[in-house]
Amino acid sequence: MDTNNNMAIDEHETLIDFEGPDDPHQPLNWQFGKKVVITLLYSLCTMGSTWASAIYNSGLSQVQAQFHVSEVVALLGMSLYLLGNALGPLLWAPMSEVYGRKMSVLLPIFGLATIFICRFFAGVFGGSPLSNVGGVLTDIWPPTQRGAALLMWGMAVIVGPLVAPIVGAALVINLPEMGWRWTGYLTGIILVVILVLSLIWIDESFAPAIHSKSQEVGTSLREIGKKYMIVPLQMMVDPIALFINLYSAFCYAIIYLAVTAVPYEFMIIRHWNSVLSSATFFAMVIGVLFAAVVLLWGQIFYKKRFITNGNKMIPEARLLPMMIGSIFFPPGLFIMGWTGRSDMHWIGLCVGSALVAFGFFTIFQSAVSYIVETYLMQAASALAANIFMRSVLAAAFPLFARALFVNLGLDWGLSLLGFIAVAMVPIPFLFYLFGKRIRAVGKLSKKAYMP
């Protein structure tokens, strides 16, 4: 790295850069295998966080019995974790843009061990990989390959809350009194293994943090607060982030509501045990796998657009899979709702669940890719705003889910959410058509705007 030709910006700042585009210290120039390993490990960090958010729900009945509380009170364990996920990124995302990606992701993993002591603070620490890994992938992958890397990470985000209930249900059945505690113990063991592997294999990828190893540049707490802490809050009202985040947050919250709704349907209405009821989440996994195929096709489509645009990024080209998913998402909710009666075959609800998962994953993953490509160097802060919105909704949905289904029934309760999803279908189409203009006028998005 060249530290002799630094350009003075003012008397307090120094500009440090790599020695040209072929500098081996530049994360974009790392070997392909190294990039894959780092992407995989960061994805596992993220899966650990989302796994921890959902596995607790499997032991609700044991928590109720042991502490003599209502189901709503017991559900606070999951909701408080998700609320922590909402607040945590507001701290960890700015930290990643000051001190680098590696420390801001791996340091909070130590806090996840407190999952069986305090779910809220576990969620605060667990929010770090959810917000910061998108920034890592921006650091190390070029635009033509970034979509596939984000897909690997996105699979980790969704595998956690879909597979964890199955494992948790098995623990609860085999350990009638201690099963809910072992959902926390197992999560802690998994995270320790991930942490050790990550400490060994992950290198820092954020350019300013790499440069700071060669030359220290002083930054006051006041400057950090002004430059970094406020940015995630500003992102929440920037037009691109606001509407895309609201849409993806609604779909994300539906997944956590499904974690409550599906077991309710199979255990209460069909009298299945908790393991069989949770096994129906495999239908959602199938939907996610089909979504992955569409997203890979979307990456091919994007690469062609990127080349024809003179190797310049086109964020709106990331929205095509979202447009497809937005059409399948509402019917899935209606099918789930109206096949929930005991006289209907159980396969109907599984088909609806698969459609919901397909729609959710294409919408969620396209939203992440679009946000990352729109805000680039501020991707971590943009994702922090996204995570805040979706985690707040995901924390609230399970709390009112039972009341919703008791008062309206599974049919009309899910239909109400389906009608909201129908109203949101135009969002990706409008951004595909007018997103370039909106980016040009947004206070933060115009900084990365490319005509």
Protein backbone atom coordinates (compact mmCIF):
# COMPACT_ATOMS: atom_id res chain seq x y z
CA MET A 1 0.00 0.00 0.00
CA ASP A 2 1.24 3.41 -0.88
CA THR A 3 1.56 5.68 2.12
CA ASN A 4 4.00 8.15 0.53
CA ASN A 5 1.58 9.71 -1.92
CA ASN A 6 -1.28 10.37 0.49
CA MET A 7 -3.32 13.43 -0.37
CA ALA A 8 -4.24 15.81 2.39
CA ILE A 9 -7.94 16.49 2.46
CA ASP A 10 -7.64 19.02 5.26
CA GLU A 11 -5.46 19.46 8.29
CA HIS A 12 -7.27 16.67 10.15
CA GLU A 13 -7.79 14.05 7.40
CA THR A 14 -5.50 11.94 5.25
CA LEU A 15 -6.49 9.98 2.15
CA ILE A 16 -5.02 6.48 1.90
CA ASP A 17 -5.68 4.19 -1.04
CA PHE A 18 -4.49 0.92 -2.59
CA GLU A 19 -1.62 0.82 -5.09
CA GLY A 20 -3.83 0.62 -8.15
CA PRO A 21 -6.51 -1.93 -9.12
CA ASP A 22 -4.11 -4.91 -8.94
CA ASP A 23 -2.96 -4.36 -5.35
CA PRO A 24 -3.04 -7.83 -3.68
CA HIS A 25 -4.20 -6.21 -0.43
CA GLN A 26 -7.38 -5.09 -2.20
CA PRO A 27 -10.16 -7.50 -1.03
CA LEU A 28 -11.62 -7.61 -4.55
CA ASN A 29 -8.32 -9.19 -5.65
CA TRP A 30 -8.30 -11.99 -3.07
CA GLN A 31 -8.23 -15.54 -4.44
CA PHE A 32 -11.63 -16.96 -5.37
CA GLY A 33 -11.34 -19.82 -2.86
CA LYS A 34 -10.59 -17.40 -0.04
CA LYS A 35 -13.65 -15.32 -0.94
CA VAL A 36 -15.85 -18.43 -0.91
CA VAL A 37 -14.57 -19.54 2.51
CA ILE A 38 -15.08 -16.06 4.00
CA THR A 39 -18.57 -15.80 2.50
CA LEU A 40 -19.45 -19.25 3.89
CA LEU A 41 -18.20 -18.42 7.39
CA TYR A 42 -19.99 -15.09 7.52
CA SER A 43 -23.13 -16.88 6.29
CA LEU A 44 -22.80 -19.39 9.14
CA CYS A 45 -22.50 -16.48 11.60
CA THR A 46 -25.77 -15.13 10.21
CA MET A 47 -27.47 -18.54 10.32
CA GLY A 48 -26.49 -18.83 13.98
CA SER A 49 -28.29 -15.58 14.71
CA THR A 50 -31.52 -16.46 12.88
CA TRP A 51 -31.39 -20.02 14.25
CA ALA A 52 -31.29 -18.60 17.78
CA SER A 53 -34.27 -16.38 17.05
CA ALA A 54 -36.60 -19.27 16.13
CA ILE A 55 -35.48 -22.37 18.04
CA TYR A 56 -36.78 -20.95 21.34
CA ASN A 57 -40.34 -21.13 20.04
CA SER A 58 -40.23 -24.95 20.10
CA GLY A 59 -40.14 -24.98 23.91
CA LEU A 60 -42.98 -22.54 24.56
CA SER A 61 -45.20 -25.11 26.26
CA GLN A 62 -42.38 -26.09 28.63
CA VAL A 63 -41.65 -22.44 29.44
CA GLN A 64 -45.35 -21.88 30.18
CA ALA A 65 -45.54 -24.92 32.44
CA GLN A 66 -42.31 -24.26 34.33
CA PHE A 67 -42.88 -20.56 34.97
CA HIS A 68 -46.72 -20.61 35.05
CA VAL A 69 -47.15 -17.87 32.45
CA SER A 70 -49.45 -17.35 29.49
CA GLU A 71 -48.46 -18.10 25.91
CA VAL A 72 -48.16 -14.39 25.10
CA VAL A 73 -45.72 -13.88 27.98
CA ALA A 74 -43.73 -16.94 26.93
CA LEU A 75 -43.59 -15.62 23.36
CA LEU A 76 -41.77 -12.55 24.64
CA GLY A 77 -38.63 -14.70 24.58
CA MET A 78 -38.72 -14.71 20.78
CA SER A 79 -40.09 -11.19 20.39
CA LEU A 80 -37.46 -9.65 22.68
CA TYR A 81 -34.73 -11.43 20.74
CA LEU A 82 -36.07 -9.95 17.49
CA LEU A 83 -36.38 -6.54 19.12
CA GLY A 84 -32.71 -6.87 20.05
CA ASN A 85 -32.04 -7.72 16.39
CA ALA A 86 -33.73 -4.44 15.50
CA LEU A 87 -31.63 -2.30 17.84
CA GLY A 88 -28.29 -4.13 17.62
CA PRO A 89 -27.50 -3.20 13.99
CA LEU A 90 -27.86 0.50 14.84
CA LEU A 91 -24.70 -0.04 16.91
CA TRP A 92 -22.85 -2.72 14.95
CA ALA A 93 -23.33 -1.30 11.44
CA PRO A 94 -21.68 2.06 12.26
CA MET A 95 -18.95 0.18 14.15
CA SER A 96 -18.20 -1.85 11.01
CA GLU A 97 -17.72 1.39 9.05
CA VAL A 98 -15.28 2.76 11.65
CA TYR A 99 -13.36 -0.26 12.94
CA GLY A 100 -13.92 -2.80 10.17
CA ARG A 101 -16.16 -5.77 9.38
CA LYS A 102 -14.36 -8.63 11.14
CA MET A 103 -14.39 -7.25 14.68
CA SER A 104 -17.94 -5.93 14.41
CA VAL A 105 -19.24 -9.39 13.42
CA LEU A 106 -17.13 -11.75 15.52
CA LEU A 107 -17.00 -9.71 18.77
CA PRO A 108 -20.81 -9.88 19.28
CA ILE A 109 -20.84 -13.69 18.90
CA PHE A 110 -19.59 -13.89 22.48
CA GLY A 111 -22.87 -12.22 23.53
CA LEU A 112 -24.98 -14.90 21.85
CA ALA A 113 -23.98 -17.33 24.59
CA THR A 114 -26.33 -15.34 26.83
CA ILE A 115 -29.30 -16.63 24.86
CA PHE A 116 -30.43 -18.71 27.84
CA ILE A 117 -29.92 -15.78 30.24
CA CYS A 118 -31.28 -12.76 28.40
CA ARG A 119 -32.91 -13.06 25.00
CA PHE A 120 -32.99 -9.34 24.37
CA PHE A 121 -29.26 -8.84 24.69
CA ALA A 122 -28.65 -12.03 22.73
CA GLY A 123 -30.69 -10.40 19.97
CA VAL A 124 -28.71 -7.16 20.21
CA PHE A 125 -25.46 -9.05 19.70
CA GLY A 126 -27.01 -11.40 17.14
CA GLY A 127 -28.03 -8.44 14.97
CA SER A 128 -24.43 -7.83 13.92
CA PRO A 129 -24.05 -10.41 11.11
CA LEU A 130 -27.51 -9.55 9.82
CA SER A 131 -26.42 -5.99 9.07
CA ASN A 132 -22.68 -6.22 8.42
CA VAL A 133 -22.22 -9.25 6.19
CA GLY A 134 -23.79 -7.43 3.24
CA GLY A 135 -20.98 -4.87 3.56
CA VAL A 136 -18.38 -7.66 3.58
CA LEU A 137 -19.74 -9.09 0.34
CA THR A 138 -19.61 -5.62 -1.21
CA ASP A 139 -15.95 -5.43 -0.18
CA ILE A 140 -14.81 -8.71 -1.71
CA TRP A 141 -17.11 -9.51 -4.66
CA PRO A 142 -17.43 -7.53 -7.94
CA PRO A 143 -20.96 -6.63 -9.10
CA THR A 144 -21.18 -9.51 -11.60
CA GLN A 145 -20.53 -12.10 -8.85
CA ARG A 146 -22.04 -10.33 -5.85
CA GLY A 147 -25.57 -11.61 -6.44
CA ALA A 148 -24.49 -15.25 -6.08
CA ALA A 149 -22.56 -14.44 -2.90
CA LEU A 150 -25.56 -12.62 -1.46
CA LEU A 151 -27.68 -15.65 -2.34
CA MET A 152 -25.42 -17.91 -0.24
CA TRP A 153 -25.76 -15.50 2.66
CA GLY A 154 -29.52 -15.15 2.13
CA MET A 155 -29.95 -18.93 2.28
CA ALA A 156 -28.28 -18.84 5.70
CA VAL A 157 -30.69 -16.12 6.85
CA ILE A 158 -33.76 -18.19 6.02
CA VAL A 159 -32.45 -21.69 6.85
CA GLY A 160 -32.06 -20.68 10.50
CA PRO A 161 -35.71 -19.90 11.34
CA LEU A 162 -37.05 -22.76 9.18
CA VAL A 163 -34.82 -25.62 10.37
CA ALA A 164 -34.38 -24.53 14.00
CA PRO A 165 -38.03 -25.29 14.98
CA ILE A 166 -37.63 -28.87 13.75
CA VAL A 167 -34.50 -29.44 15.83
CA GLY A 168 -36.05 -27.63 18.78
CA ALA A 169 -39.20 -29.75 18.64
CA ALA A 170 -37.09 -32.94 18.72
CA LEU A 171 -35.24 -31.66 21.81
CA VAL A 172 -38.48 -30.77 23.57
CA ILE A 173 -40.08 -34.18 22.94
CA ASN A 174 -36.98 -36.13 24.03
CA LEU A 175 -36.25 -33.89 27.04
CA PRO A 176 -39.69 -33.18 28.54
CA GLU A 177 -38.42 -30.85 31.28
CA MET A 178 -35.08 -29.55 30.01
CA GLY A 179 -35.72 -29.41 26.25
CA TRP A 180 -36.32 -25.68 26.12
CA ARG A 181 -33.04 -25.06 27.94
CA TRP A 182 -31.17 -27.30 25.52
CA THR A 183 -32.39 -25.18 22.62
CA GLY A 184 -30.14 -22.51 24.12
CA TYR A 185 -27.28 -24.83 25.02
CA LEU A 186 -27.17 -26.31 21.50
CA THR A 187 -27.23 -22.85 19.94
CA GLY A 188 -24.32 -21.78 22.15
CA ILE A 189 -22.27 -24.85 21.15
CA ILE A 190 -22.91 -24.22 17.44
CA LEU A 191 -21.88 -20.58 17.76
CA VAL A 192 -18.65 -21.40 19.59
CA VAL A 193 -17.63 -23.71 16.72
CA ILE A 194 -18.48 -21.03 14.15
CA LEU A 195 -16.54 -18.43 16.15
CA VAL A 196 -13.38 -20.53 16.32
CA LEU A 197 -13.44 -21.25 12.58
CA SER A 198 -14.11 -17.59 11.79
CA LEU A 199 -11.25 -16.32 13.96
CA ILE A 200 -8.89 -18.64 12.09
CA TRP A 201 -10.01 -18.03 8.51
CA ILE A 202 -11.61 -14.58 8.24
CA ASP A 203 -9.49 -11.55 7.31
CA GLU A 204 -10.55 -7.91 7.50
CA SER A 205 -12.14 -6.75 4.22
CA PHE A 206 -13.10 -3.10 4.83
CA ALA A 207 -10.59 -0.87 3.02
CA PRO A 208 -10.41 1.94 5.65
CA ALA A 209 -9.78 -0.63 8.38
CA ILE A 210 -7.03 -2.30 6.32
CA HIS A 211 -5.43 1.08 5.70
CA SER A 212 -5.55 1.96 9.39
CA LYS A 213 -3.11 -0.90 10.04
CA SER A 214 -0.57 0.97 7.92
CA GLN A 215 -1.33 4.50 9.10
CA GLU A 216 -3.48 5.52 12.04
CA VAL A 217 -5.92 8.32 11.36
CA GLY A 218 -7.50 9.84 14.41
CA THR A 219 -11.28 9.95 14.69
CA SER A 220 -13.00 11.62 17.60
CA LEU A 221 -16.12 10.22 19.24
CA ARG A 222 -18.00 13.31 18.09
CA GLU A 223 -17.00 12.65 14.46
CA ILE A 224 -17.97 9.00 14.77
CA GLY A 225 -21.38 9.91 16.15
CA LYS A 226 -22.02 12.53 13.50
CA LYS A 227 -20.71 10.56 10.54
CA TYR A 228 -21.80 7.00 11.38
CA MET A 229 -24.39 6.70 14.17
CA ILE A 230 -26.89 9.00 12.47
CA VAL A 231 -26.66 7.34 9.05
CA PRO A 232 -28.82 4.25 9.79
CA LEU A 233 -31.53 6.55 11.14
CA GLN A 234 -31.34 8.72 8.02
CA MET A 235 -31.62 5.60 5.88
CA MET A 236 -35.06 4.90 7.31
CA VAL A 237 -36.51 7.94 5.52
CA ASP A 238 -34.45 7.85 2.33
CA PRO A 239 -37.04 6.97 -0.37
CA ILE A 240 -35.33 3.86 -1.76
CA ALA A 241 -34.60 2.38 1.66
CA LEU A 242 -37.97 3.34 3.17
CA PHE A 243 -40.28 1.57 0.72
CA ILE A 244 -38.08 -1.41 -0.12
CA ASN A 245 -37.42 -1.95 3.59
CA LEU A 246 -41.12 -1.77 4.47
CA TYR A 247 -41.98 -4.36 1.83
CA SER A 248 -39.21 -6.79 2.76
CA ALA A 249 -39.94 -6.23 6.47
CA PHE A 250 -43.59 -7.23 6.01
CA CYS A 251 -42.58 -10.43 4.17
CA TYR A 252 -39.91 -11.23 6.76
CA ALA A 253 -42.41 -10.83 9.59
CA ILE A 254 -44.79 -13.22 7.83
CA ILE A 255 -42.14 -15.96 8.10
CA TYR A 256 -41.98 -15.50 11.86
CA LEU A 257 -45.75 -15.45 12.05
CA ALA A 258 -45.69 -18.74 10.12
CA VAL A 259 -43.44 -20.18 12.82
CA THR A 260 -46.44 -19.59 15.12
CA ALA A 261 -49.27 -20.27 12.65
CA VAL A 262 -48.14 -23.57 11.14
CA PRO A 263 -47.65 -25.42 14.45
CA TYR A 264 -50.96 -23.91 15.63
CA GLU A 265 -52.75 -25.35 12.61
CA PHE A 266 -51.26 -28.82 12.87
CA MET A 267 -51.18 -29.19 16.65
CA ILE A 268 -54.50 -27.53 17.60
CA ILE A 269 -56.64 -28.34 14.57
CA ARG A 270 -55.12 -31.62 13.38
CA HIS A 271 -53.71 -32.86 16.74
CA TRP A 272 -50.23 -33.63 15.41
CA ASN A 273 -47.25 -33.72 17.78
CA SER A 274 -44.68 -30.91 17.76
CA VAL A 275 -42.08 -32.75 15.66
CA LEU A 276 -44.54 -33.65 12.89
CA SER A 277 -45.98 -30.13 12.99
CA SER A 278 -42.53 -28.55 12.68
CA ALA A 279 -41.53 -30.95 9.90
CA THR A 280 -43.97 -29.09 7.67
CA PHE A 281 -41.37 -26.32 7.53
CA PHE A 282 -39.60 -28.50 4.99
CA ALA A 283 -42.30 -27.30 2.56
CA MET A 284 -40.96 -23.79 3.08
CA VAL A 285 -37.42 -25.02 2.51
CA ILE A 286 -38.55 -26.42 -0.86
CA GLY A 287 -40.03 -23.04 -1.72
CA VAL A 288 -36.74 -21.37 -0.82
CA LEU A 289 -34.81 -23.78 -3.07
CA PHE A 290 -37.05 -22.92 -6.05
CA ALA A 291 -36.55 -19.25 -5.21
CA ALA A 292 -32.78 -19.78 -5.29
CA VAL A 293 -33.09 -21.03 -8.89
CA VAL A 294 -34.98 -17.87 -9.87
CA LEU A 295 -32.42 -15.71 -8.08
CA LEU A 296 -29.55 -17.42 -9.92
CA TRP A 297 -31.36 -16.74 -13.18
CA GLY A 298 -31.73 -13.14 -12.00
CA GLN A 299 -27.95 -12.98 -11.51
CA ILE A 300 -27.43 -14.09 -15.13
CA PHE A 301 -29.91 -11.46 -16.29
CA TYR A 302 -28.12 -8.81 -14.23
CA LYS A 303 -24.71 -9.75 -15.62
CA LYS A 304 -25.97 -9.25 -19.18
CA ARG A 305 -27.46 -5.86 -18.28
CA PHE A 306 -24.21 -4.89 -16.51
CA ILE A 307 -22.14 -5.66 -19.62
CA THR A 308 -24.51 -3.90 -22.03
CA ASN A 309 -24.46 -0.87 -19.73
CA GLY A 310 -20.72 -0.45 -20.16
CA ASN A 311 -19.78 -2.38 -16.98
CA LYS A 312 -21.73 0.08 -14.85
CA MET A 313 -24.05 -1.09 -12.08
CA ILE A 314 -27.82 -0.99 -12.58
CA PRO A 315 -29.47 -1.55 -9.16
CA GLU A 316 -32.95 -1.82 -10.67
CA ALA A 317 -31.86 -4.90 -12.64
CA ARG A 318 -31.71 -6.68 -9.27
CA LEU A 319 -35.49 -6.32 -8.88
CA LEU A 320 -36.69 -8.79 -11.52
CA PRO A 321 -36.83 -11.79 -9.10
CA MET A 322 -38.70 -9.58 -6.60
CA MET A 323 -41.29 -8.79 -9.25
CA ILE A 324 -41.83 -12.53 -9.81
CA GLY A 325 -41.95 -13.30 -6.09
CA SER A 326 -44.43 -10.53 -5.37
CA ILE A 327 -46.97 -12.31 -7.59
CA PHE A 328 -46.64 -15.68 -5.80
CA PHE A 329 -46.52 -14.37 -2.23
CA PRO A 330 -50.22 -13.35 -1.73
CA PRO A 331 -51.74 -16.56 -3.18
CA GLY A 332 -49.59 -18.56 -0.78
CA LEU A 333 -51.13 -16.73 2.18
CA PHE A 334 -54.67 -17.31 0.88
CA ILE A 335 -53.99 -21.02 0.29
CA MET A 336 -52.49 -21.41 3.78
CA GLY A 337 -55.55 -19.76 5.29
CA TRP A 338 -58.29 -21.60 3.41
CA THR A 339 -56.77 -25.09 3.57
CA GLY A 340 -56.36 -24.95 7.35
CA ARG A 341 -59.63 -26.72 8.16
CA SER A 342 -59.42 -30.27 9.50
CA ASP A 343 -61.53 -31.56 6.59
CA MET A 344 -58.93 -30.32 4.08
CA HIS A 345 -55.87 -32.39 3.22
CA TRP A 346 -52.72 -31.20 4.97
CA ILE A 347 -50.85 -30.94 1.65
CA GLY A 348 -52.80 -27.77 0.86
CA LEU A 349 -51.22 -25.82 3.70
CA CYS A 350 -47.80 -27.16 2.71
CA VAL A 351 -48.29 -25.92 -0.87
CA GLY A 352 -49.33 -22.51 0.45
CA SER A 353 -46.31 -22.46 2.78
CA ALA A 354 -43.99 -23.26 -0.13
CA LEU A 355 -45.44 -20.39 -2.19
CA VAL A 356 -45.07 -17.99 0.75
CA ALA A 357 -41.44 -19.05 1.21
CA PHE A 358 -40.77 -18.74 -2.53
CA GLY A 359 -42.25 -15.26 -2.61
CA PHE A 360 -40.55 -14.18 0.59
CA PHE A 361 -37.06 -15.29 -0.41
CA THR A 362 -37.14 -13.73 -3.87
CA ILE A 363 -38.46 -10.47 -2.37
CA PHE A 364 -36.09 -10.45 0.59
CA GLN A 365 -32.97 -11.37 -1.38
CA SER A 366 -33.70 -8.90 -4.17
CA ALA A 367 -34.27 -6.18 -1.59
CA VAL A 368 -30.89 -6.88 0.03
CA SER A 369 -29.11 -6.86 -3.35
CA TYR A 370 -30.87 -3.67 -4.39
CA ILE A 371 -30.04 -1.89 -1.14
CA VAL A 372 -26.39 -3.02 -1.19
CA GLU A 373 -25.94 -1.85 -4.78
CA THR A 374 -27.72 1.44 -4.17
CA TYR A 375 -25.72 2.49 -1.11
CA LEU A 376 -22.41 0.62 -1.66
CA MET A 377 -19.91 1.90 0.98
CA GLN A 378 -22.83 2.65 3.33
CA ALA A 379 -24.41 -0.77 2.70
CA ALA A 380 -24.01 -1.83 6.35
CA SER A 381 -25.94 1.21 7.57
CA ALA A 382 -28.60 0.72 4.88
CA LEU A 383 -29.01 -2.92 5.92
CA ALA A 384 -29.17 -1.82 9.57
CA ALA A 385 -32.22 0.27 8.70
CA ASN A 386 -33.68 -2.72 6.85
CA ILE A 387 -33.07 -5.03 9.79
CA PHE A 388 -34.56 -2.54 12.26
CA MET A 389 -37.83 -2.38 10.35
CA ARG A 390 -38.15 -6.09 9.65
CA SER A 391 -37.13 -7.16 13.18
CA VAL A 392 -39.62 -4.79 14.82
CA LEU A 393 -42.42 -6.25 12.69
CA ALA A 394 -41.17 -9.81 13.21
CA ALA A 395 -41.13 -9.19 16.98
CA ALA A 396 -44.71 -7.91 16.96
CA PHE A 397 -46.35 -10.43 14.60
CA PRO A 398 -46.02 -13.56 16.79
CA LEU A 399 -47.49 -11.66 19.76
CA PHE A 400 -50.77 -10.91 18.01
CA ALA A 401 -50.82 -14.05 15.84
CA ARG A 402 -52.84 -16.19 18.25
CA ALA A 403 -55.33 -13.38 18.90
CA LEU A 404 -55.63 -12.83 15.15
CA PHE A 405 -56.35 -16.49 14.45
CA VAL A 406 -58.70 -16.94 17.42
CA ASN A 407 -60.79 -13.89 16.51
CA LEU A 408 -60.76 -14.13 12.72
CA GLY A 409 -59.85 -17.78 12.23
CA LEU A 410 -56.86 -19.07 10.33
CA ASP A 411 -58.72 -18.49 7.05
CA TRP A 412 -59.60 -14.79 7.41
CA GLY A 413 -56.57 -14.01 9.55
CA LEU A 414 -54.14 -15.07 6.84
CA SER A 415 -56.44 -13.61 4.18
CA LEU A 416 -56.13 -10.19 5.85
CA LEU A 417 -52.37 -10.44 5.50
CA GLY A 418 -52.86 -11.67 1.94
CA PHE A 419 -54.83 -8.54 1.03
CA ILE A 420 -52.02 -6.37 2.44
CA ALA A 421 -49.54 -8.35 0.33
CA VAL A 422 -51.69 -7.76 -2.77
CA ALA A 423 -51.61 -4.02 -2.12
CA MET A 424 -47.80 -4.16 -2.01
CA VAL A 425 -47.37 -6.02 -5.34
CA PRO A 426 -46.81 -2.78 -7.36
CA ILE A 427 -43.79 -1.73 -5.25
CA PRO A 428 -41.04 -3.64 -7.15
CA PHE A 429 -42.60 -2.78 -10.52
CA LEU A 430 -42.65 0.92 -9.69
CA PHE A 431 -39.05 0.88 -8.50
CA TYR A 432 -37.99 -1.06 -11.60
CA LEU A 433 -39.51 1.66 -13.79
CA PHE A 434 -38.72 4.78 -11.75
CA GLY A 435 -35.96 3.70 -9.35
CA LYS A 436 -33.21 5.53 -11.25
CA ARG A 437 -35.04 8.84 -10.86
CA ILE A 438 -35.76 8.18 -7.20
CA ARG A 439 -32.11 7.34 -6.51
CA ALA A 440 -31.10 10.60 -8.16
CA VAL A 441 -33.13 12.70 -5.70
CA GLY A 442 -32.64 10.68 -2.49
CA LYS A 443 -30.30 12.43 -0.07
CA LEU A 444 -28.19 9.32 0.56
CA SER A 445 -28.86 7.20 -2.52
CA LYS A 446 -27.72 9.95 -4.90
CA LYS A 447 -24.19 9.69 -3.45
CA ALA A 448 -23.80 6.37 -5.24
CA TYR A 449 -26.01 7.38 -8.18
CA MET A 450 -24.55 6.50 -11.57
CA PRO A 451 -26.16 8.10 -14.62
